[in-house]
PDB file of N, CA and C in Angstrom:
ATOM      1  N   MET A   1     -16.895   7.754  -2.115  1.00  0.00           N
ATOM      2  CA  MET A   1     -15.773   8.354  -2.579  1.00  0.00           C
ATOM      3  C   MET A   1     -14.547   7.439  -3.040  1.00  0.00           C
ATOM      4  N   ALA A   2     -13.848   8.498  -3.180  1.00  0.00           N
ATOM      5  CA  ALA A   2     -12.683   8.342  -4.103  1.00  0.00           C
ATOM      6  C   ALA A   2     -10.890   7.500  -3.439  1.00  0.00           C
ATOM      7  N   VAL A   3     -10.663   7.125  -3.364  1.00  0.00           N
ATOM      8  CA  VAL A   3      -9.388   6.912  -2.922  1.00  0.00           C
ATOM      9  C   VAL A   3      -8.342   7.223  -3.643  1.00  0.00           C
ATOM     10  N   ARG A   4      -7.182   8.101  -2.355  1.00  0.00           N
ATOM     11  CA  ARG A   4      -5.850   8.897  -4.034  1.00  0.00           C
ATOM     12  C   ARG A   4      -5.305   8.020  -3.402  1.00  0.00           C
ATOM     13  N   LEU A   5      -4.369   7.849  -4.119  1.00  0.00           N
ATOM     14  CA  LEU A   5      -3.206   6.879  -4.186  1.00  0.00           C
ATOM     15  C   LEU A   5      -1.480   8.041  -4.878  1.00  0.00           C
ATOM     16  N   TYR A   6      -0.459   8.315  -3.752  1.00  0.00           N
ATOM     17  CA  TYR A   6       0.443   8.582  -4.135  1.00  0.00           C
ATOM     18  C   TYR A   6       1.385   7.351  -4.601  1.00  0.00           C
ATOM     19  N   ILE A   7       2.075   7.608  -5.880  1.00  0.00           N
ATOM     20  CA  ILE A   7       2.735   6.700  -6.094  1.00  0.00           C
ATOM     21  C   ILE A   7       4.425   7.230  -6.673  1.00  0.00           C
ATOM     22  N   THR A   8       5.365   7.226  -6.159  1.00  0.00           N
ATOM     23  CA  THR A   8       7.063   7.566  -6.118  1.00  0.00           C
ATOM     24  C   THR A   8       7.771   6.862  -7.433  1.00  0.00           C
ATOM     25  N   LEU A   9       7.571   7.417  -8.668  1.00  0.00           N
ATOM     26  CA  LEU A   9       8.335   6.599  -9.674  1.00  0.00           C
ATOM     27  C   LEU A   9       9.922   7.878  -9.466  1.00  0.00           C
ATOM     28  N   THR A  10      11.228   6.787  -9.301  1.00  0.00           N
ATOM     29  CA  THR A  10      11.971   7.198 -10.030  1.00  0.00           C
ATOM     30  C   THR A  10      12.381   6.785 -11.195  1.00  0.00           C
ATOM     31  N   SER A  11      13.312   7.858 -12.447  1.00  0.00           N
ATOM     32  CA  SER A  11      13.513   7.672 -13.969  1.00  0.00           C
ATOM     33  C   SER A  11      15.584   7.462 -13.223  1.00  0.00           C
ATOM     34  N   TYR A  12      15.358   6.726 -14.585  1.00  0.00           N
ATOM     35  CA  TYR A  12      16.935   6.501 -14.275  1.00  0.00           C
ATOM     36  C   TYR A  12      17.568   7.413 -15.116  1.00  0.00           C
ATOM     37  N   ALA A  13      17.105   8.892 -15.976  1.00  0.00           N
ATOM     38  CA  ALA A  13      17.543   9.857 -16.888  1.00  0.00           C
ATOM     39  C   ALA A  13      17.271  10.623 -15.576  1.00  0.00           C
ATOM     40  N   SER A  14      16.594  10.726 -14.016  1.00  0.00           N
ATOM     41  CA  SER A  14      17.091  12.109 -12.894  1.00  0.00           C
ATOM     42  C   SER A  14      16.843  11.147 -11.777  1.00  0.00           C
ATOM     43  N   SER A  15      17.701  11.666 -11.439  1.00  0.00           N
ATOM     44  CA  SER A  15      17.959  11.619 -10.433  1.00  0.00           C
ATOM     45  C   SER A  15      16.749  11.772  -9.256  1.00  0.00           C
ATOM     46  N   ARG A  16      16.357  12.672  -9.195  1.00  0.00           N
ATOM     47  CA  ARG A  16      14.484  13.054  -8.469  1.00  0.00           C
ATOM     48  C   ARG A  16      13.066  12.259  -9.611  1.00  0.00           C
ATOM     49  N   PRO A  17      12.872  11.948  -7.726  1.00  0.00           N
ATOM     50  CA  PRO A  17      11.746  11.344  -7.908  1.00  0.00           C
ATOM     51  C   PRO A  17      10.750  12.021  -8.381  1.00  0.00           C
ATOM     52  N   GLN A  18       9.951  10.955  -9.299  1.00  0.00           N
ATOM     53  CA  GLN A  18       8.389  12.036  -9.647  1.00  0.00           C
ATOM     54  C   GLN A  18       7.046  11.499  -8.662  1.00  0.00           C
ATOM     55  N   VAL A  19       6.183  12.007  -8.138  1.00  0.00           N
ATOM     56  CA  VAL A  19       5.376  11.355  -8.075  1.00  0.00           C
ATOM     57  C   VAL A  19       3.929  12.038  -8.909  1.00  0.00           C
ATOM     58  N   LEU A  20       3.289  10.744  -9.253  1.00  0.00           N
ATOM     59  CA  LEU A  20       1.816  10.407  -9.371  1.00  0.00           C
ATOM     60  C   LEU A  20       1.034  10.523  -8.650  1.00  0.00           C
ATOM     61  N   PHE A  21       0.349  10.985  -9.352  1.00  0.00           N
ATOM     62  CA  PHE A  21      -1.508  11.102  -8.134  1.00  0.00           C
ATOM     63  C   PHE A  21      -1.988  10.109  -9.365  1.00  0.00           C
ATOM     64  N   ILE A  22      -2.351   9.713  -8.675  1.00  0.00           N
ATOM     65  CA  ILE A  22      -3.948   8.701  -9.090  1.00  0.00           C
ATOM     66  C   ILE A  22      -5.375   8.558  -8.595  1.00  0.00           C
ATOM     67  N   GLN A  23      -6.776   9.638  -8.945  1.00  0.00           N
ATOM     68  CA  GLN A  23      -7.880   9.444  -7.654  1.00  0.00           C
ATOM     69  C   GLN A  23      -8.788   8.357  -8.621  1.00  0.00           C
ATOM     70  N   SER A  24      -8.906   7.162  -7.571  1.00  0.00           N
ATOM     71  CA  SER A  24     -10.277   6.404  -8.486  1.00  0.00           C
ATOM     72  C   SER A  24     -11.273   5.829  -7.151  1.00  0.00           C
ATOM     73  N   PRO A  25     -12.076   5.305  -8.230  1.00  0.00           N
ATOM     74  CA  PRO A  25     -12.892   4.801  -7.261  1.00  0.00           C
ATOM     75  C   PRO A  25     -13.614   4.137  -6.651  1.00  0.00           C
ATOM     76  N   LEU A  26     -12.406   3.345  -7.079  1.00  0.00           N
ATOM     77  CA  LEU A  26     -11.749   1.681  -7.338  1.00  0.00           C
ATOM     78  C   LEU A  26     -10.737   1.153  -6.941  1.00  0.00           C
ATOM     79  N   PHE A  27      -9.829   0.536  -5.975  1.00  0.00           N
ATOM     80  CA  PHE A  27      -8.639   0.878  -6.182  1.00  0.00           C
ATOM     81  C   PHE A  27      -8.608  -0.313  -6.564  1.00  0.00           C
ATOM     82  N   THR A  28      -8.003  -1.222  -7.133  1.00  0.00           N
ATOM     83  CA  THR A  28      -7.497  -3.193  -7.350  1.00  0.00           C
ATOM     84  C   THR A  28      -6.108  -2.849  -7.217  1.00  0.00           C
ATOM     85  N   SER A  29      -6.095  -4.211  -6.341  1.00  0.00           N
ATOM     86  CA  SER A  29      -4.538  -4.521  -5.451  1.00  0.00           C
ATOM     87  C   SER A  29      -4.070  -5.046  -6.545  1.00  0.00           C
ATOM     88  N   SER A  30      -4.586  -5.244  -7.692  1.00  0.00           N
ATOM     89  CA  SER A  30      -3.405  -6.036  -8.318  1.00  0.00           C
ATOM     90  C   SER A  30      -1.996  -5.131  -9.001  1.00  0.00           C
ATOM     91  N   LEU A  31      -2.444  -3.551  -8.381  1.00  0.00           N
ATOM     92  CA  LEU A  31      -1.778  -2.711  -8.823  1.00  0.00           C
ATOM     93  C   LEU A  31       0.182  -2.706  -7.879  1.00  0.00           C
ATOM     94  N   LEU A  32      -0.598  -3.717  -7.076  1.00  0.00           N
ATOM     95  CA  LEU A  32       0.800  -4.035  -5.854  1.00  0.00           C
ATOM     96  C   LEU A  32       1.455  -5.469  -6.334  1.00  0.00           C
ATOM     97  N   PHE A  33       2.689  -4.999  -5.175  1.00  0.00           N
ATOM     98  CA  PHE A  33       3.917  -6.469  -5.347  1.00  0.00           C
ATOM     99  C   PHE A  33       4.119  -6.801  -3.837  1.00  0.00           C
ATOM    100  N   ARG A  34       5.287  -7.891  -4.215  1.00  0.00           N
ATOM    101  CA  ARG A  34       5.601  -8.271  -2.765  1.00  0.00           C
ATOM    102  C   ARG A  34       6.409  -6.937  -2.498  1.00  0.00           C
ATOM    103  N   ASN A  35       6.693  -6.430  -1.302  1.00  0.00           N
ATOM    104  CA  ASN A  35       7.634  -5.443  -0.395  1.00  0.00           C
ATOM    105  C   ASN A  35       6.836  -4.492  -0.438  1.00  0.00           C
ATOM    106  N   ASN A  36       6.263  -4.158  -1.551  1.00  0.00           N
ATOM    107  CA  ASN A  36       5.639  -2.219  -1.295  1.00  0.00           C
ATOM    108  C   ASN A  36       4.829  -1.598   0.300  1.00  0.00           C
ATOM    109  N   ARG A  37       5.619  -0.662   0.079  1.00  0.00           N
ATOM    110  CA  ARG A  37       4.451   0.111   1.498  1.00  0.00           C
ATOM    111  C   ARG A  37       3.524   1.002   1.650  1.00  0.00           C
ATOM    112  N   LEU A  38       2.512   0.425   2.418  1.00  0.00           N
ATOM    113  CA  LEU A  38       1.179   0.903   2.086  1.00  0.00           C
ATOM    114  C   LEU A  38       0.894   1.565   4.175  1.00  0.00           C
ATOM    115  N   GLN A  39      -0.092   2.491   2.738  1.00  0.00           N
ATOM    116  CA  GLN A  39      -0.637   3.647   4.652  1.00  0.00           C
ATOM    117  C   GLN A  39      -1.964   3.199   4.355  1.00  0.00           C
ATOM    118  N   LEU A  40      -2.436   1.755   5.749  1.00  0.00           N
ATOM    119  CA  LEU A  40      -3.615   1.938   5.963  1.00  0.00           C
ATOM    120  C   LEU A  40      -4.185   3.061   7.069  1.00  0.00           C
ATOM    121  N   HIS A  41      -5.831   2.864   7.043  1.00  0.00           N
ATOM    122  CA  HIS A  41      -6.277   3.300   7.997  1.00  0.00           C
ATOM    123  C   HIS A  41      -6.120   2.997   9.054  1.00  0.00           C
ATOM    124  N   LYS A  42      -6.764   4.150  10.084  1.00  0.00           N
ATOM    125  CA  LYS A  42      -6.167   4.709  10.948  1.00  0.00           C
ATOM    126  C   LYS A  42      -4.073   4.350  11.500  1.00  0.00           C
ATOM    127  N   GLY A  43      -4.215   4.751  10.731  1.00  0.00           N
ATOM    128  CA  GLY A  43      -2.184   6.185  10.447  1.00  0.00           C
ATOM    129  C   GLY A  43      -1.076   4.036  10.906  1.00  0.00           C
ATOM    130  N   ILE A  44      -2.173   2.671  10.169  1.00  0.00           N
ATOM    131  CA  ILE A  44      -1.427   1.621   9.673  1.00  0.00           C
ATOM    132  C   ILE A  44      -0.114   1.590   9.088  1.00  0.00           C
ATOM    133  N   VAL A  45       0.662   0.635   8.838  1.00  0.00           N
ATOM    134  CA  VAL A  45       1.741   1.520   7.786  1.00  0.00           C
ATOM    135  C   VAL A  45       1.994  -0.078   7.888  1.00  0.00           C
ATOM    136  N   ALA A  46       1.767  -0.697   6.621  1.00  0.00           N
ATOM    137  CA  ALA A  46       2.309  -2.571   5.884  1.00  0.00           C
ATOM    138  C   ALA A  46       3.109  -3.191   5.074  1.00  0.00           C
ATOM    139  N   GLU A  47       3.322  -3.908   4.819  1.00  0.00           N
ATOM    140  CA  GLU A  47       4.249  -4.129   3.517  1.00  0.00           C
ATOM    141  C   GLU A  47       3.464  -5.168   3.055  1.00  0.00           C
ATOM    142  N   VAL A  48       3.736  -4.895   2.064  1.00  0.00           N
ATOM    143  CA  VAL A  48       2.452  -6.496   1.044  1.00  0.00           C
ATOM    144  C   VAL A  48       3.932  -7.724   1.433  1.00  0.00           C
ATOM    145  N   THR A  49       3.059  -8.921   1.599  1.00  0.00           N
ATOM    146  CA  THR A  49       4.138 -10.637   1.431  1.00  0.00           C
ATOM    147  C   THR A  49       3.578 -11.387   0.908  1.00  0.00           C
ATOM    148  N   GLU A  50       2.771 -10.919   0.222  1.00  0.00           N
ATOM    149  CA  GLU A  50       1.592 -11.671  -1.543  1.00  0.00           C
ATOM    150  C   GLU A  50       1.183 -10.642  -1.437  1.00  0.00           C
ATOM    151  N   ASN A  51       0.636 -11.152  -2.927  1.00  0.00           N
ATOM    152  CA  ASN A  51      -0.877 -10.579  -3.574  1.00  0.00           C
ATOM    153  C   ASN A  51      -1.685 -11.794  -4.354  1.00  0.00           C
ATOM    154  N   MET A  52      -2.738 -11.991  -3.280  1.00  0.00           N
ATOM    155  CA  MET A  52      -4.446 -12.793  -4.106  1.00  0.00           C
ATOM    156  C   MET A  52      -4.297 -12.671  -5.081  1.00  0.00           C
ATOM    157  N   ASN A  53      -3.748 -11.448  -6.324  1.00  0.00           N
ATOM    158  CA  ASN A  53      -4.271 -11.785  -7.880  1.00  0.00           C
ATOM    159  C   ASN A  53      -5.380 -11.656  -8.206  1.00  0.00           C
ATOM    160  N   ASP A  54      -6.586 -11.479  -7.248  1.00  0.00           N
ATOM    161  CA  ASP A  54      -8.161 -11.521  -7.390  1.00  0.00           C
ATOM    162  C   ASP A  54      -8.365  -9.752  -7.205  1.00  0.00           C
ATOM    163  N   GLY A  55      -7.247  -9.461  -7.308  1.00  0.00           N
ATOM    164  CA  GLY A  55      -7.699  -7.124  -7.134  1.00  0.00           C
ATOM    165  C   GLY A  55      -8.090  -7.084  -5.634  1.00  0.00           C
ATOM    166  N   MET A  56      -8.234  -7.418  -5.171  1.00  0.00           N
ATOM    167  CA  MET A  56      -9.151  -6.881  -4.031  1.00  0.00           C
ATOM    168  C   MET A  56      -8.781  -7.254  -2.405  1.00  0.00           C
ATOM    169  N   TRP A  57      -7.658  -8.691  -2.582  1.00  0.00           N
ATOM    170  CA  TRP A  57      -6.767  -8.370  -1.771  1.00  0.00           C
ATOM    171  C   TRP A  57      -5.565  -8.909  -1.672  1.00  0.00           C
ATOM    172  N   VAL A  58      -4.147  -8.277  -0.056  1.00  0.00           N
ATOM    173  CA  VAL A  58      -3.046  -8.627  -0.149  1.00  0.00           C
ATOM    174  C   VAL A  58      -3.032  -9.015   0.891  1.00  0.00           C
ATOM    175  N   GLU A  59      -1.768 -10.557   0.793  1.00  0.00           N
ATOM    176  CA  GLU A  59      -1.357 -10.575   2.515  1.00  0.00           C
ATOM    177  C   GLU A  59      -0.016  -9.275   2.825  1.00  0.00           C
ATOM    178  N   VAL A  60      -0.266  -8.927   4.206  1.00  0.00           N
ATOM    179  CA  VAL A  60       0.763  -7.544   4.123  1.00  0.00           C
ATOM    180  C   VAL A  60       0.899  -7.738   5.852  1.00  0.00           C
ATOM    181  N   ARG A  61       1.942  -7.598   6.601  1.00  0.00           N
ATOM    182  CA  ARG A  61       3.394  -7.484   7.182  1.00  0.00           C
ATOM    183  C   ARG A  61       2.682  -6.056   8.166  1.00  0.00           C
ATOM    184  N   LEU A  62       2.085  -6.697   9.461  1.00  0.00           N
ATOM    185  CA  LEU A  62       2.235  -4.852   9.338  1.00  0.00           C
ATOM    186  C   LEU A  62       3.858  -4.248  10.372  1.00  0.00           C
ATOM    187  N   ILE A  63       3.657  -3.001  10.085  1.00  0.00           N
ATOM    188  CA  ILE A  63       5.206  -2.931  10.718  1.00  0.00           C
ATOM    189  C   ILE A  63       4.747  -0.969  11.849  1.00  0.00           C
ATOM    190  N   GLU A  64       3.442  -1.117  11.239  1.00  0.00           N
ATOM    191  CA  GLU A  64       3.165   0.127  12.920  1.00  0.00           C
ATOM    192  C   GLU A  64       2.132   0.120  12.098  1.00  0.00           C
ATOM    193  N   ALA A  65       1.452  -0.032  14.074  1.00  0.00           N
ATOM    194  CA  ALA A  65       0.006   0.311  14.140  1.00  0.00           C
ATOM    195  C   ALA A  65       0.399   0.951  15.513  1.00  0.00           C
ATOM    196  N   PRO A  66      -0.297   2.255  15.532  1.00  0.00           N
ATOM    197  CA  PRO A  66      -0.505   3.531  16.283  1.00  0.00           C
ATOM    198  C   PRO A  66      -1.703   2.762  17.529  1.00  0.00           C
ATOM    199  N   GLN A  67      -3.065   2.670  17.765  1.00  0.00           N
ATOM    200  CA  GLN A  67      -3.775   1.850  18.653  1.00  0.00           C
ATOM    201  C   GLN A  67      -3.435   0.454  18.682  1.00  0.00           C
ATOM    202  N   THR A  68      -2.373  -0.358  18.037  1.00  0.00           N
ATOM    203  CA  THR A  68      -2.529  -1.778  18.972  1.00  0.00           C
ATOM    204  C   THR A  68      -1.158  -1.928  18.830  1.00  0.00           C
ATOM    205  N   PRO A  69       0.051  -1.693  19.557  1.00  0.00           N
ATOM    206  CA  PRO A  69       1.879  -1.609  19.035  1.00  0.00           C
ATOM    207  C   PRO A  69       2.195  -2.754  19.000  1.00  0.00           C
ATOM    208  N   ASP A  70       1.183  -3.603  19.830  1.00  0.00           N
ATOM    209  CA  ASP A  70       0.771  -5.183  20.043  1.00  0.00           C
ATOM    210  C   ASP A  70       0.853  -6.694  18.465  1.00  0.00           C
ATOM    211  N   GLU A  71       0.571  -5.885  17.662  1.00  0.00           N
ATOM    212  CA  GLU A  71       0.226  -6.582  16.295  1.00  0.00           C
ATOM    213  C   GLU A  71       1.205  -6.168  14.883  1.00  0.00           C
ATOM    214  N   ILE A  72       2.008  -5.603  15.643  1.00  0.00           N
ATOM    215  CA  ILE A  72       3.574  -5.061  15.271  1.00  0.00           C
ATOM    216  C   ILE A  72       4.670  -6.611  14.513  1.00  0.00           C
ATOM    217  N   GLY A  73       4.238  -6.508  13.226  1.00  0.00           N
ATOM    218  CA  GLY A  73       4.980  -8.262  12.675  1.00  0.00           C
ATOM    219  C   GLY A  73       3.907  -9.165  12.047  1.00  0.00           C
ATOM    220  N   ALA A  74       2.935  -8.678  12.860  1.00  0.00           N
ATOM    221  CA  ALA A  74       1.764 -10.081  12.502  1.00  0.00           C
ATOM    222  C   ALA A  74       1.007  -9.919  10.796  1.00  0.00           C
ATOM    223  N   VAL A  75       1.105 -11.088  10.568  1.00  0.00           N
ATOM    224  CA  VAL A  75      -0.164 -11.172   8.808  1.00  0.00           C
ATOM    225  C   VAL A  75      -1.312 -11.168   8.725  1.00  0.00           C
ATOM    226  N   GLU A  76      -1.804 -10.482   7.891  1.00  0.00           N
ATOM    227  CA  GLU A  76      -3.181 -10.532   7.923  1.00  0.00           C
ATOM    228  C   GLU A  76      -3.588 -10.413   6.340  1.00  0.00           C
ATOM    229  N   LEU A  77      -4.043 -10.492   5.877  1.00  0.00           N
ATOM    230  CA  LEU A  77      -5.243 -10.382   4.933  1.00  0.00           C
ATOM    231  C   LEU A  77      -5.482  -8.789   5.113  1.00  0.00           C
ATOM    232  N   CYS A  78      -5.015  -8.049   3.986  1.00  0.00           N
ATOM    233  CA  CYS A  78      -5.812  -6.739   3.787  1.00  0.00           C
ATOM    234  C   CYS A  78      -6.871  -5.884   2.010  1.00  0.00           C
ATOM    235  N   HIS A  79      -8.265  -5.215   2.227  1.00  0.00           N
ATOM    236  CA  HIS A  79      -8.479  -4.882   1.713  1.00  0.00           C
ATOM    237  C   HIS A  79      -8.032  -4.190   0.966  1.00  0.00           C
ATOM    238  N   ALA A  80      -8.843  -4.361  -0.295  1.00  0.00           N
ATOM    239  CA  ALA A  80      -8.645  -2.901  -0.942  1.00  0.00           C
ATOM    240  C   ALA A  80      -8.322  -1.717  -0.158  1.00  0.00           C
ATOM    241  N   GLN A  81      -9.369  -1.831   0.105  1.00  0.00           N
ATOM    242  CA  GLN A  81     -10.434  -0.297   0.369  1.00  0.00           C
ATOM    243  C   GLN A  81      -9.550   0.757   1.942  1.00  0.00           C
ATOM    244  N   ASP A  82      -8.953  -0.598   2.678  1.00  0.00           N
ATOM    245  CA  ASP A  82      -8.114  -0.455   3.038  1.00  0.00           C
ATOM    246  C   ASP A  82      -6.681   0.846   3.237  1.00  0.00           C
ATOM    247  N   ILE A  83      -6.668   0.376   1.844  1.00  0.00           N
ATOM    248  CA  ILE A  83      -5.367   1.222   1.371  1.00  0.00           C
ATOM    249  C   ILE A  83      -5.932   2.583   1.426  1.00  0.00           C
ATOM    250  N   VAL A  84      -5.336   3.186   1.905  1.00  0.00           N
ATOM    251  CA  VAL A  84      -5.045   4.766   2.189  1.00  0.00           C
ATOM    252  C   VAL A  84      -4.158   5.898   0.944  1.00  0.00           C
ATOM    253  N   LYS A  85      -2.802   4.774   0.850  1.00  0.00           N
ATOM    254  CA  LYS A  85      -1.884   5.477  -0.738  1.00  0.00           C
ATOM    255  C   LYS A  85      -0.785   4.398  -0.374  1.00  0.00           C
ATOM    256  N   ILE A  86       0.400   4.088  -1.606  1.00  0.00           N
ATOM    257  CA  ILE A  86       1.004   3.606  -1.450  1.00  0.00           C
ATOM    258  C   ILE A  86       2.733   4.448  -1.114  1.00  0.00           C
ATOM    259  N   LEU A  87       3.297   3.809  -0.209  1.00  0.00           N
ATOM    260  CA  LEU A  87       3.734   4.753   0.358  1.00  0.00           C
ATOM    261  C   LEU A  87       5.260   4.303  -0.311  1.00  0.00           C
ATOM    262  N   SER A  88       6.141   3.306  -1.225  1.00  0.00           N
ATOM    263  CA  SER A  88       6.954   2.590  -1.958  1.00  0.00           C
ATOM    264  C   SER A  88       6.333   1.360  -2.566  1.00  0.00           C
ATOM    265  N   ALA A  89       7.243   2.175  -4.165  1.00  0.00           N
ATOM    266  CA  ALA A  89       6.656   0.544  -4.727  1.00  0.00           C
ATOM    267  C   ALA A  89       7.851   0.136  -4.624  1.00  0.00           C
ATOM    268  N   SER A  90       7.838  -1.598  -4.509  1.00  0.00           N
ATOM    269  CA  SER A  90       8.859  -2.321  -5.140  1.00  0.00           C
ATOM    270  C   SER A  90       9.862  -2.440  -6.790  1.00  0.00           C
TER     271      SER A  90
END
């Protein structure tokens, strides 16, 4: 199953953001940086706090967790396969 990623890029020449669509059978977390917001499975939104630079794992802080709201603010490891899309890039 392919992973679909949407990355919004803003050019200095244009005030209009451009959306870049990437479809890849394997996503690597090396594209992620601190403060990137991610959409994970089950509607979870998380913010990258640290990239392990191994291509698979990032540390994230949960911002939205619809099924388990008591976990909001928790910091945990996230595998690249759990990422649905990048919501914002820093």
